[in-house]
């Protein structure tokens, strides 16, 4: 039954699609789709992208699949998630500003796949619903600390995953959590008030993904599962046994880590050895000049970050095992990526979505307190509330510049791994330089699912099926990046980038992926062309929530003069 349906839809697609797309789409029955997204992971954190962190399961997916070297996201959590689930730039679905509710009139890929006969489920971080303004102050903190129960919704019920195409949902509605006892945790639309003593969010997200796979594999319908891990987003927290594996590993500091990772990236074939590698961006003292106690604390923070990614990889191994044991692995397309680059943030005081205490009333210690006395022993537990900071964020984004929130590639470039034994063509383990963006995932998934007339949806993304079929995406792409007042635009080899209060810079992004050398003086017309394109795109993109009945899919400008 499944094969007959796909054969028919593939025939319809063949009329309108180029030859490369036919080859990928018609190579198998409709695949299952599992999207695995990490939160604030560095570009070089995975072993298959140069990292020293133990990620054998993800590395194995890369070894049997395809790695995209030049794949982009939106540089911030909720914007990337909106683009992934709709195929539009975040600005076109009411997400130009951080922390809003995604436009309720624009169908998600889950809704479209559900209509096409797919099971759908999500496990993990939603972050596409605006937080309530009330309560505020101490009452809000006690609510988030699980010390006060309030009979009020976590967000507009119409905005929740179960109203946006997901049959089942387990995860957090808000954006920041205590990884050992998360607030805004729900199963379906029912808040989960208590968790087991040995709870850890990464493991629980994996548990539910496994559960969905085993349930859905019991019938003939294909399935789409979106697994959105909350790690390694701050507060950096991990089980002690995972942290122990990395104790002492980062004693040589961030400059040494950046150099080691780049060496491995060259060995892997990700970059040429003559690729310019800028310094770690550090607004403090160099590593060697820091007191021994400070170095020990900073190295311990990086060990927690590594432990969080290690634990994700263990989870990915369990997901792959569940697919294999249910006979689904060969025809499941697995995509692994991050929502933005590593975060430089050192979280401040509690409030908004940041908890103050544990459920039992133990204070969550911030940066200064964690370095007092023997408090360092609490680092990584739910009694700590820390981030890795800008030097480590810079190092784990090797060889890219800057980090989360910025429109330089350190903020908006992500690893992408695609694994699909039955459907991928070409050499397993290959690295491709086709330029892609998270807006491309929805059209790719819809095309592979046999959804008719995907092009009529006027999605901003373009299908990646030619690459999956062993070919390339034809033509030069133009991609736009906008977060707060930061800006970026890429067209072919040219990339223009600026900080929120900075000046535009121009780079040859193919030769200088780290954006180390501004060449705008040598190529002023190229910079002007890109900046004009950005201006036109901003004017023609929807940058506010779309009103009911308004055309939400009128395509903005995506080419340059």
Protein backbone atom coordinates (compact mmCIF):
# COMPACT_ATOMS: atom_id res chain seq x y z
CA UNK A 1 0.00 0.00 0.00
CA UNK A 2 2.73 2.46 0.99
CA UNK A 3 4.76 1.64 -2.12
CA UNK A 4 1.79 2.01 -4.44
CA UNK A 5 0.97 5.45 -3.03
CA UNK A 6 4.52 6.66 -3.35
CA UNK A 7 4.86 5.30 -6.88
CA UNK A 8 1.82 7.32 -7.93
CA UNK A 9 3.00 10.53 -6.29
CA UNK A 10 6.51 10.04 -7.65
CA UNK A 11 5.02 9.83 -11.15
CA UNK A 12 3.20 13.12 -10.60
CA UNK A 13 6.40 14.72 -9.33
CA UNK A 14 8.31 13.46 -12.36
CA UNK A 15 6.22 15.68 -14.64
CA UNK A 16 7.31 18.88 -12.90
CA UNK A 17 10.67 18.10 -11.26
CA UNK A 18 14.18 18.20 -12.74
CA UNK A 19 15.87 14.85 -13.37
CA UNK A 20 18.01 14.96 -10.21
CA UNK A 21 14.95 15.28 -8.01
CA UNK A 22 13.22 12.39 -9.76
CA UNK A 23 16.15 10.11 -9.01
CA UNK A 24 16.13 10.78 -5.29
CA UNK A 25 12.36 10.85 -4.84
CA UNK A 26 11.65 7.70 -6.81
CA UNK A 27 14.49 5.63 -5.33
CA UNK A 28 12.42 4.19 -2.49
CA UNK A 29 8.99 4.07 -0.94
CA UNK A 30 8.10 7.08 1.15
CA UNK A 31 10.73 7.33 3.87
CA UNK A 32 10.29 7.84 7.56
CA UNK A 33 11.84 11.14 8.65
CA UNK A 34 13.67 11.79 11.93
CA UNK A 35 15.03 15.30 12.49
CA UNK A 36 17.46 15.60 15.41
CA UNK A 37 18.27 19.15 16.45
CA UNK A 38 20.75 20.13 19.13
CA UNK A 39 20.62 23.44 20.99
CA UNK A 40 23.63 25.80 20.94
CA UNK A 41 26.11 23.20 19.67
CA UNK A 42 29.41 24.41 18.23
CA UNK A 43 30.26 23.85 14.57
CA UNK A 44 33.25 21.66 15.48
CA UNK A 45 31.83 19.85 18.53
CA UNK A 46 31.03 16.58 16.76
CA UNK A 47 33.87 14.18 16.03
CA UNK A 48 32.95 14.10 12.35
CA UNK A 49 33.37 17.89 12.25
CA UNK A 50 36.69 17.98 14.08
CA UNK A 51 35.76 17.64 17.75
CA UNK A 52 37.45 15.54 20.42
CA UNK A 53 34.11 14.83 22.15
CA UNK A 54 33.08 11.17 21.92
CA UNK A 55 30.26 11.13 19.36
CA UNK A 56 30.65 7.68 17.75
CA UNK A 57 26.97 7.25 16.95
CA UNK A 58 26.58 10.56 15.12
CA UNK A 59 29.96 10.00 13.47
CA UNK A 60 28.69 6.63 12.23
CA UNK A 61 25.67 8.33 10.65
CA UNK A 62 28.07 10.73 8.91
CA UNK A 63 30.28 7.84 7.78
CA UNK A 64 27.32 6.17 6.09
CA UNK A 65 25.69 9.37 4.92
CA UNK A 66 26.41 12.90 3.72
CA UNK A 67 27.92 15.86 5.54
CA UNK A 68 27.00 19.38 4.44
CA UNK A 69 29.96 21.67 5.09
CA UNK A 70 28.13 24.92 4.24
CA UNK A 71 24.70 24.61 5.79
CA UNK A 72 23.00 27.51 7.55
CA UNK A 73 20.46 28.22 10.27
CA UNK A 74 18.97 31.47 11.60
CA UNK A 75 21.52 32.04 14.41
CA UNK A 76 18.92 31.88 17.19
CA UNK A 77 16.76 29.17 18.76
CA UNK A 78 13.16 30.02 17.93
CA UNK A 79 13.88 31.56 14.52
CA UNK A 80 15.62 28.39 13.32
CA UNK A 81 12.82 26.21 14.66
CA UNK A 82 10.21 28.28 12.84
CA UNK A 83 12.09 28.01 9.56
CA UNK A 84 12.61 24.28 9.95
CA UNK A 85 8.93 23.64 10.56
CA UNK A 86 7.57 25.91 7.82
CA UNK A 87 10.14 26.24 5.03
CA UNK A 88 9.93 30.04 5.29
CA UNK A 89 12.33 32.58 6.67
CA UNK A 90 11.41 33.28 10.28
CA UNK A 91 10.56 36.88 9.36
CA UNK A 92 7.71 35.64 7.19
CA UNK A 93 5.99 33.63 9.91
CA UNK A 94 5.81 36.25 12.65
CA UNK A 95 9.21 35.44 14.18
CA UNK A 96 11.29 38.48 13.28
CA UNK A 97 11.53 39.21 16.99
CA UNK A 98 12.69 36.73 19.57
CA UNK A 99 10.17 34.94 21.78
CA UNK A 100 6.99 35.41 19.74
CA UNK A 101 4.32 32.92 18.73
CA UNK A 102 4.81 31.47 15.27
CA UNK A 103 2.11 32.56 12.82
CA UNK A 104 -0.87 30.30 13.40
CA UNK A 105 -2.13 30.67 9.81
CA UNK A 106 0.94 29.11 8.18
CA UNK A 107 0.85 25.29 8.11
CA UNK A 108 3.80 23.44 9.62
CA UNK A 109 5.57 20.59 7.87
CA UNK A 110 4.03 18.31 10.50
CA UNK A 111 0.54 19.40 9.42
CA UNK A 112 1.36 18.90 5.75
CA UNK A 113 2.90 15.46 6.40
CA UNK A 114 -0.03 14.44 8.55
CA UNK A 115 -2.36 15.29 5.67
CA UNK A 116 -0.13 13.14 3.43
CA UNK A 117 -0.66 10.11 5.66
CA UNK A 118 2.27 10.32 8.07
CA UNK A 119 2.33 9.69 11.78
CA UNK A 120 3.84 12.74 13.50
CA UNK A 121 5.44 13.23 16.90
CA UNK A 122 7.79 15.62 18.66
CA UNK A 123 10.07 15.15 21.63
CA UNK A 124 12.03 18.05 23.12
CA UNK A 125 12.09 21.83 22.96
CA UNK A 126 9.22 23.70 21.25
CA UNK A 127 10.04 27.42 21.85
CA UNK A 128 7.54 28.73 19.30
CA UNK A 129 4.96 30.15 21.72
CA UNK A 130 5.10 33.55 23.38
CA UNK A 131 5.51 33.38 27.15
CA UNK A 132 2.77 34.86 29.34
CA UNK A 133 3.58 38.25 30.86
CA UNK A 134 2.07 37.26 34.17
CA UNK A 135 2.86 36.40 36.86
CA UNK A 136 5.89 38.54 37.53
CA UNK A 137 8.45 38.91 40.28
CA UNK A 138 8.68 36.43 43.13
CA UNK A 139 5.49 34.68 42.13
CA UNK A 140 6.88 33.94 38.67
CA UNK A 141 10.12 32.61 40.13
CA UNK A 142 8.30 30.29 42.51
CA UNK A 143 6.19 29.06 39.60
CA UNK A 144 9.30 28.25 37.57
CA UNK A 145 11.00 26.72 40.63
CA UNK A 146 8.09 24.22 41.02
CA UNK A 147 7.31 25.77 44.40
CA UNK A 148 3.96 27.23 43.32
CA UNK A 149 1.29 25.62 41.16
CA UNK A 150 -0.81 27.98 39.06
CA UNK A 151 -3.95 27.09 37.15
CA UNK A 152 -2.98 28.94 33.98
CA UNK A 153 -1.69 27.93 30.55
CA UNK A 154 2.01 27.96 29.74
CA UNK A 155 1.17 29.63 26.42
CA UNK A 156 -1.70 30.15 23.99
CA UNK A 157 -3.08 26.58 23.61
CA UNK A 158 -3.57 27.16 19.87
CA UNK A 159 0.20 27.57 19.53
CA UNK A 160 1.21 24.25 21.12
CA UNK A 161 2.73 21.36 19.12
CA UNK A 162 -0.40 19.23 19.38
CA UNK A 163 -2.33 22.02 17.62
CA UNK A 164 0.39 22.43 14.97
CA UNK A 165 0.37 18.97 13.43
CA UNK A 166 1.97 16.69 16.00
CA UNK A 167 -0.11 13.72 17.12
CA UNK A 168 2.08 13.30 20.18
CA UNK A 169 4.37 15.65 22.07
CA UNK A 170 6.66 15.35 25.05
CA UNK A 171 8.92 18.22 25.96
CA UNK A 172 9.21 21.81 27.10
CA UNK A 173 7.12 24.67 25.78
CA UNK A 174 9.46 27.44 26.98
CA UNK A 175 13.07 27.93 25.94
CA UNK A 176 15.35 27.55 28.98
CA UNK A 177 15.29 24.71 31.48
CA UNK A 178 16.80 23.09 34.51
CA UNK A 179 17.95 19.95 32.69
CA UNK A 180 17.30 17.84 35.79
CA UNK A 181 13.84 19.22 36.60
CA UNK A 182 12.51 21.30 33.69
CA UNK A 183 9.74 23.84 33.93
CA UNK A 184 7.06 23.94 31.20
CA UNK A 185 7.41 20.20 30.64
CA UNK A 186 4.32 18.66 29.04
CA UNK A 187 3.09 15.39 27.67
CA UNK A 188 0.61 16.34 25.02
CA UNK A 189 -0.94 19.46 26.54
CA UNK A 190 -0.83 18.19 30.12
CA UNK A 191 1.88 19.68 32.35
CA UNK A 192 4.23 17.14 33.92
CA UNK A 193 4.38 18.29 37.54
CA UNK A 194 7.03 15.89 38.86
CA UNK A 195 9.89 13.89 37.38
CA UNK A 196 11.88 10.91 38.74
CA UNK A 197 14.89 11.53 40.96
CA UNK A 198 17.32 10.36 38.25
CA UNK A 199 15.71 12.48 35.52
CA UNK A 200 17.85 14.17 32.87
CA UNK A 201 16.18 15.97 29.99
CA UNK A 202 18.39 14.58 27.22
CA UNK A 203 17.67 11.02 28.30
CA UNK A 204 13.93 11.68 28.61
CA UNK A 205 13.79 13.22 25.14
CA UNK A 206 15.49 10.11 23.82
CA UNK A 207 13.10 7.85 25.77
CA UNK A 208 10.09 9.40 24.07
CA UNK A 209 11.66 9.33 20.62
CA UNK A 210 12.27 5.61 21.10
CA UNK A 211 8.69 5.16 22.29
CA UNK A 212 7.28 6.92 19.22
CA UNK A 213 9.41 4.85 16.85
CA UNK A 214 8.25 1.57 18.37
CA UNK A 215 4.60 2.65 18.37
CA UNK A 216 4.62 3.98 14.82
CA UNK A 217 6.51 0.98 13.43
CA UNK A 218 3.54 -1.21 14.37
CA UNK A 219 1.55 -0.20 11.27
CA UNK A 220 2.23 0.62 7.62
CA UNK A 221 2.11 4.41 7.85
CA UNK A 222 5.41 6.28 7.49
CA UNK A 223 6.33 8.63 10.32
CA UNK A 224 7.91 12.01 10.99
CA UNK A 225 9.58 12.52 14.38
CA UNK A 226 11.16 15.80 15.43
CA UNK A 227 13.66 15.32 18.27
CA UNK A 228 14.76 18.68 19.65
CA UNK A 229 17.33 18.25 22.41
CA UNK A 230 17.67 21.02 24.99
CA UNK A 231 21.44 20.43 25.25
CA UNK A 232 24.03 21.88 25.28
CA UNK A 233 22.08 25.12 25.92
CA UNK A 234 22.91 26.82 29.21
CA UNK A 235 22.60 26.24 32.10
CA UNK A 236 25.34 23.73 31.33
CA UNK A 237 24.36 20.63 33.30
CA UNK A 238 25.07 16.92 32.90
CA UNK A 239 25.11 13.72 34.94
CA UNK A 240 28.33 13.33 36.99
CA UNK A 241 29.46 10.17 35.20
CA UNK A 242 29.35 11.97 31.84
CA UNK A 243 31.26 14.98 33.18
CA UNK A 244 33.93 12.75 34.70
CA UNK A 245 34.94 11.49 31.24
CA UNK A 246 36.12 15.00 30.32
CA UNK A 247 37.70 16.19 33.56
CA UNK A 248 41.17 17.56 32.83
CA UNK A 249 40.70 17.35 29.07
CA UNK A 250 40.60 21.11 28.55
CA UNK A 251 43.45 22.20 30.81
CA UNK A 252 45.42 23.63 27.88
CA UNK A 253 42.76 26.24 27.14
CA UNK A 254 40.80 27.52 24.19
CA UNK A 255 43.64 28.44 21.82
CA UNK A 256 44.99 24.91 22.03
CA UNK A 257 41.51 23.47 21.50
CA UNK A 258 40.93 25.63 18.43
CA UNK A 259 44.25 24.55 16.91
CA UNK A 260 43.62 20.86 17.63
CA UNK A 261 40.15 20.94 16.16
CA UNK A 262 41.27 22.74 13.03
CA UNK A 263 44.03 20.17 12.52
CA UNK A 264 41.43 17.40 12.63
CA UNK A 265 39.14 19.33 10.28
CA UNK A 266 41.95 19.47 7.75
CA UNK A 267 42.57 15.72 8.18
CA UNK A 268 38.85 15.04 7.64
CA UNK A 269 38.83 17.08 4.43
CA UNK A 270 36.47 19.74 5.75
CA UNK A 271 38.95 22.59 5.14
CA UNK A 272 42.27 23.15 3.41
CA UNK A 273 45.29 23.59 5.64
CA UNK A 274 45.87 27.11 4.28
CA UNK A 275 42.38 28.24 5.34
CA UNK A 276 42.82 31.43 7.42
CA UNK A 277 42.18 30.75 11.09
CA UNK A 278 41.52 33.81 13.18
CA UNK A 279 42.27 34.00 16.89
CA UNK A 280 39.85 33.05 19.63
CA UNK A 281 37.72 36.10 20.42
CA UNK A 282 38.40 36.83 24.07
CA UNK A 283 37.66 40.05 25.92
CA UNK A 284 39.62 38.91 28.97
CA UNK A 285 43.16 37.81 29.78
CA UNK A 286 44.89 35.14 27.67
CA UNK A 287 44.66 31.61 29.05
CA UNK A 288 48.30 31.42 30.16
CA UNK A 289 47.95 34.60 32.23
CA UNK A 290 44.92 33.46 34.19
CA UNK A 291 45.34 32.23 37.79
CA UNK A 292 45.43 28.45 38.14
CA UNK A 293 42.09 28.43 40.00
CA UNK A 294 40.40 30.37 37.22
CA UNK A 295 41.81 28.05 34.56
CA UNK A 296 40.57 25.03 36.50
CA UNK A 297 37.06 26.49 36.70
CA UNK A 298 36.93 27.40 33.01
CA UNK A 299 38.25 23.98 31.99
CA UNK A 300 35.59 22.37 34.16
CA UNK A 301 32.88 24.36 32.35
CA UNK A 302 34.07 23.08 29.00
CA UNK A 303 34.02 19.54 30.41
CA UNK A 304 30.31 19.95 31.22
CA UNK A 305 29.61 21.24 27.70
CA UNK A 306 31.37 18.18 26.27
CA UNK A 307 29.44 15.87 28.59
CA UNK A 308 26.14 17.27 27.36
CA UNK A 309 27.02 16.52 23.75
CA UNK A 310 28.35 13.09 24.71
CA UNK A 311 24.97 12.33 26.28
CA UNK A 312 23.16 13.46 23.11
CA UNK A 313 25.28 11.03 21.12
CA UNK A 314 24.36 8.20 23.46
CA UNK A 315 20.73 9.12 22.81
CA UNK A 316 21.25 9.12 19.05
CA UNK A 317 22.68 5.62 19.36
CA UNK A 318 19.53 4.50 21.13
CA UNK A 319 17.35 6.10 18.44
CA UNK A 320 19.28 4.31 15.70
CA UNK A 321 18.99 1.02 17.61
CA UNK A 322 15.22 1.48 17.89
CA UNK A 323 14.98 2.08 14.14
CA UNK A 324 17.14 -0.96 13.42
CA UNK A 325 15.27 -3.25 15.82
CA UNK A 326 11.91 -2.28 14.29
CA UNK A 327 13.16 -2.77 10.74
CA UNK A 328 12.83 0.94 9.91
CA UNK A 329 16.46 2.09 9.67
CA UNK A 330 17.09 1.47 5.98
CA UNK A 331 14.21 3.65 4.84
CA UNK A 332 14.46 6.36 7.49
CA UNK A 333 16.11 9.64 6.58
CA UNK A 334 17.88 10.99 9.68
CA UNK A 335 18.98 14.62 9.76
CA UNK A 336 21.26 15.97 12.52
CA UNK A 337 21.90 19.71 12.92
CA UNK A 338 22.08 22.56 15.44
CA UNK A 339 19.76 25.54 15.84
CA UNK A 340 22.66 28.03 15.98
CA UNK A 341 26.33 28.23 16.87
CA UNK A 342 27.70 27.83 20.37
CA UNK A 343 26.55 30.43 22.88
CA UNK A 344 28.89 33.02 24.42
CA UNK A 345 26.33 33.88 27.09
CA UNK A 346 27.04 33.94 30.80
CA UNK A 347 23.49 33.84 32.20
CA UNK A 348 22.63 36.57 34.64
CA UNK A 349 20.07 36.63 37.42
CA UNK A 350 16.79 34.73 37.46
CA UNK A 351 13.60 35.95 35.83
CA UNK A 352 11.56 35.69 32.63
CA UNK A 353 12.29 31.98 31.87
CA UNK A 354 15.31 31.44 34.15
CA UNK A 355 14.79 29.63 37.41
CA UNK A 356 16.21 30.80 40.75
CA UNK A 357 16.17 27.70 42.94
CA UNK A 358 15.73 23.98 42.79
CA UNK A 359 12.39 22.49 43.77
CA UNK A 360 13.84 21.89 47.26
CA UNK A 361 14.90 25.53 47.62
CA UNK A 362 18.63 25.25 46.91
CA UNK A 363 19.88 28.38 45.08
CA UNK A 364 21.02 27.92 41.48
CA UNK A 365 24.49 29.44 41.74
CA UNK A 366 25.55 31.90 39.05
CA UNK A 367 29.07 32.59 37.78
CA UNK A 368 30.56 34.51 40.71
CA UNK A 369 29.20 32.19 43.40
CA UNK A 370 30.35 29.05 41.58
CA UNK A 371 33.95 30.22 41.95
CA UNK A 372 33.75 30.76 45.69
CA UNK A 373 35.22 28.16 48.04
CA UNK A 374 34.40 24.61 46.98
CA UNK A 375 31.28 25.58 45.00
CA UNK A 376 33.03 24.45 41.83
CA UNK A 377 32.01 20.92 42.82
CA UNK A 378 28.41 21.95 42.08
CA UNK A 379 29.23 22.96 38.51
CA UNK A 380 27.11 20.90 36.15
CA UNK A 381 24.48 20.06 38.76
CA UNK A 382 21.02 21.63 39.00
CA UNK A 383 22.45 23.90 41.70
CA UNK A 384 24.61 25.64 39.09
CA UNK A 385 23.56 28.09 36.39
CA UNK A 386 26.47 28.78 34.06
CA UNK A 387 27.36 29.14 30.39
CA UNK A 388 30.67 28.46 28.67
CA UNK A 389 31.41 32.10 27.74
CA UNK A 390 32.78 33.71 24.60
CA UNK A 391 36.32 32.22 24.37
CA UNK A 392 35.09 28.63 24.55
CA UNK A 393 32.19 29.47 22.22
CA UNK A 394 34.67 30.90 19.76
CA UNK A 395 36.87 27.81 20.01
CA UNK A 396 34.09 25.25 19.57
CA UNK A 397 32.87 27.10 16.47
CA UNK A 398 36.27 26.56 14.78
CA UNK A 399 37.11 27.83 12.20
CA UNK A 400 34.18 30.24 12.11
CA UNK A 401 33.92 33.73 13.57
CA UNK A 402 31.61 34.77 16.38
CA UNK A 403 28.71 32.74 17.80
CA UNK A 404 25.00 32.40 18.50
CA UNK A 405 22.86 35.47 17.68
CA UNK A 406 25.33 36.89 15.13
CA UNK A 407 24.98 36.81 11.36
CA UNK A 408 28.62 35.87 10.88
CA UNK A 409 29.06 32.19 10.12
CA UNK A 410 29.90 31.30 13.72
CA UNK A 411 26.32 32.19 14.55
CA UNK A 412 24.48 30.84 11.54
CA UNK A 413 26.44 27.90 10.09
CA UNK A 414 25.69 24.41 11.39
CA UNK A 415 26.87 20.89 10.72
CA UNK A 416 24.24 18.92 8.81
CA UNK A 417 24.41 15.15 8.58
CA UNK A 418 21.97 13.22 6.39
CA UNK A 419 21.73 9.43 6.70
CA UNK A 420 19.37 7.31 4.60
CA UNK A 421 20.66 3.84 3.61
CA UNK A 422 17.98 3.09 1.04
CA UNK A 423 17.75 6.49 -0.56
CA UNK A 424 21.12 8.25 -0.66
CA UNK A 425 23.21 8.04 -3.82
CA UNK A 426 26.93 8.68 -4.14
CA UNK A 427 29.88 7.73 -1.98
CA UNK A 428 28.97 7.12 1.69
CA UNK A 429 30.68 9.52 4.06
CA UNK A 430 31.14 12.22 1.45
CA UNK A 431 31.38 15.90 2.31
CA UNK A 432 29.49 18.27 0.03
CA UNK A 433 29.93 22.00 -0.44
CA UNK A 434 26.40 22.68 -1.71
CA UNK A 435 25.07 25.70 0.17
CA UNK A 436 21.93 24.88 2.12
CA UNK A 437 19.74 26.47 4.78
CA UNK A 438 17.26 25.21 7.34
CA UNK A 439 14.46 26.65 5.15
CA UNK A 440 15.37 23.84 2.72
CA UNK A 441 14.39 21.03 5.06
CA UNK A 442 10.62 21.44 4.75
CA UNK A 443 10.54 21.31 0.92
CA UNK A 444 12.95 18.37 1.00
CA UNK A 445 10.80 16.42 3.45
CA UNK A 446 7.59 17.23 1.60
CA UNK A 447 9.03 16.17 -1.73
CA UNK A 448 10.36 12.90 -0.35
CA UNK A 449 6.97 12.27 1.25
CA UNK A 450 5.31 12.51 -2.15
CA UNK A 451 3.40 15.71 -1.40
CA UNK A 452 2.04 16.96 -4.69
CA UNK A 453 2.97 20.33 -6.17
CA UNK A 454 5.40 21.46 -3.46
CA UNK A 455 6.52 24.37 -5.63
CA UNK A 456 3.02 25.89 -5.47
CA UNK A 457 3.51 26.46 -1.73
CA UNK A 458 6.03 29.21 -2.54
CA UNK A 459 8.35 28.12 0.26
CA UNK A 460 11.53 30.13 0.71
CA UNK A 461 13.65 26.99 0.74
CA UNK A 462 14.72 24.75 -2.09
CA UNK A 463 14.68 20.96 -2.02
CA UNK A 464 17.97 19.23 -1.25
CA UNK A 465 16.95 16.08 -3.11
CA UNK A 466 19.48 16.64 -5.94
CA UNK A 467 22.30 16.41 -3.39
CA UNK A 468 20.76 13.34 -1.79
CA UNK A 469 20.62 11.84 -5.28
CA UNK A 470 24.37 12.35 -5.78
CA UNK A 471 24.08 15.56 -7.80
CA UNK A 472 24.37 19.26 -6.92
CA UNK A 473 21.96 22.14 -6.43
CA UNK A 474 22.10 24.12 -9.68
CA UNK A 475 22.88 27.82 -9.72
CA UNK A 476 24.11 30.27 -7.10
CA UNK A 477 21.99 30.76 -4.01
CA UNK A 478 21.27 33.97 -2.17
CA UNK A 479 20.62 33.61 1.55
CA UNK A 480 19.68 36.32 4.05
CA UNK A 481 20.34 36.55 7.78
CA UNK A 482 18.80 39.06 10.18
CA UNK A 483 18.73 38.94 13.95
CA UNK A 484 18.19 42.07 15.99
CA UNK A 485 20.25 44.63 14.02
CA UNK A 486 22.86 42.14 12.89
CA UNK A 487 22.80 41.30 9.19
CA UNK A 488 24.27 38.87 6.72
CA UNK A 489 23.74 38.01 3.09
CA UNK A 490 25.49 35.35 1.03
CA UNK A 491 25.52 35.03 -2.74
CA UNK A 492 27.86 32.44 -4.20
CA UNK A 493 31.36 33.04 -2.90
CA UNK A 494 30.50 36.48 -1.49
CA UNK A 495 29.28 37.05 2.06
CA UNK A 496 28.55 40.41 3.67
CA UNK A 497 28.20 40.47 7.46
CA UNK A 498 27.75 43.06 10.18
CA UNK A 499 27.30 43.16 13.93
CA UNK A 500 24.26 44.96 15.37
CA UNK A 501 26.24 48.16 15.92
CA UNK A 502 28.99 47.47 13.42
CA UNK A 503 29.82 48.29 9.82
CA UNK A 504 29.34 45.97 6.87
CA UNK A 505 32.27 43.75 5.99
CA UNK A 506 32.79 41.67 2.84
CA UNK A 507 34.38 38.23 2.61
CA UNK A 508 35.21 35.60 0.06
CA UNK A 509 33.47 32.95 2.14
CA UNK A 510 34.79 30.05 0.08
CA UNK A 511 38.41 31.02 0.65
CA UNK A 512 37.87 32.62 4.05
CA UNK A 513 35.07 30.77 5.90
CA UNK A 514 36.30 32.27 9.18
CA UNK A 515 35.54 35.78 7.85
CA UNK A 516 38.97 36.95 8.95
CA UNK A 517 39.79 39.47 6.21
CA UNK A 518 37.45 42.25 5.12
CA UNK A 519 37.88 42.77 1.35
CA UNK A 520 35.22 45.44 0.89
CA UNK A 521 37.85 48.04 -0.10
CA UNK A 522 38.96 45.81 -2.97
CA UNK A 523 35.40 44.93 -4.06
CA UNK A 524 33.13 47.86 -3.16
CA UNK A 525 30.57 47.07 -5.87
CA UNK A 526 30.11 43.54 -4.57
CA UNK A 527 29.41 44.87 -1.09
CA UNK A 528 26.93 47.43 -2.43
CA UNK A 529 25.15 44.73 -4.41
CA UNK A 530 24.76 42.50 -1.36
CA UNK A 531 23.62 45.33 0.90
CA UNK A 532 21.04 46.45 -1.68
CA UNK A 533 19.80 42.87 -1.83
CA UNK A 534 19.43 42.79 1.93
CA UNK A 535 17.47 46.03 1.89
CA UNK A 536 15.10 44.73 -0.79
CA UNK A 537 14.62 41.45 1.06
CA UNK A 538 13.73 43.24 4.28
CA UNK A 539 11.21 45.41 2.47
CA UNK A 540 9.53 42.51 0.67
CA UNK A 541 9.53 40.02 3.54
CA UNK A 542 6.76 39.94 6.08
CA UNK A 543 8.28 41.20 9.31
CA UNK A 544 5.20 41.03 11.51
CA UNK A 545 2.55 38.42 12.31
CA UNK A 546 0.29 37.82 9.33
CA UNK A 547 -3.33 38.88 9.82
CA UNK A 548 -6.11 36.33 9.17
CA UNK A 549 -6.92 36.24 5.48
CA UNK A 550 -3.68 37.98 4.49
CA UNK A 551 -1.42 36.26 1.94
CA UNK A 552 1.33 34.70 4.06
CA UNK A 553 3.10 33.04 1.15
CA UNK A 554 3.81 35.84 -1.30
CA UNK A 555 7.44 35.09 -2.08
CA UNK A 556 9.96 37.81 -1.15
CA UNK A 557 12.91 38.79 -3.29
CA UNK A 558 15.52 36.02 -3.25
CA UNK A 559 17.79 37.16 -6.08
CA UNK A 560 20.23 40.01 -6.35
CA UNK A 561 20.42 42.66 -9.05
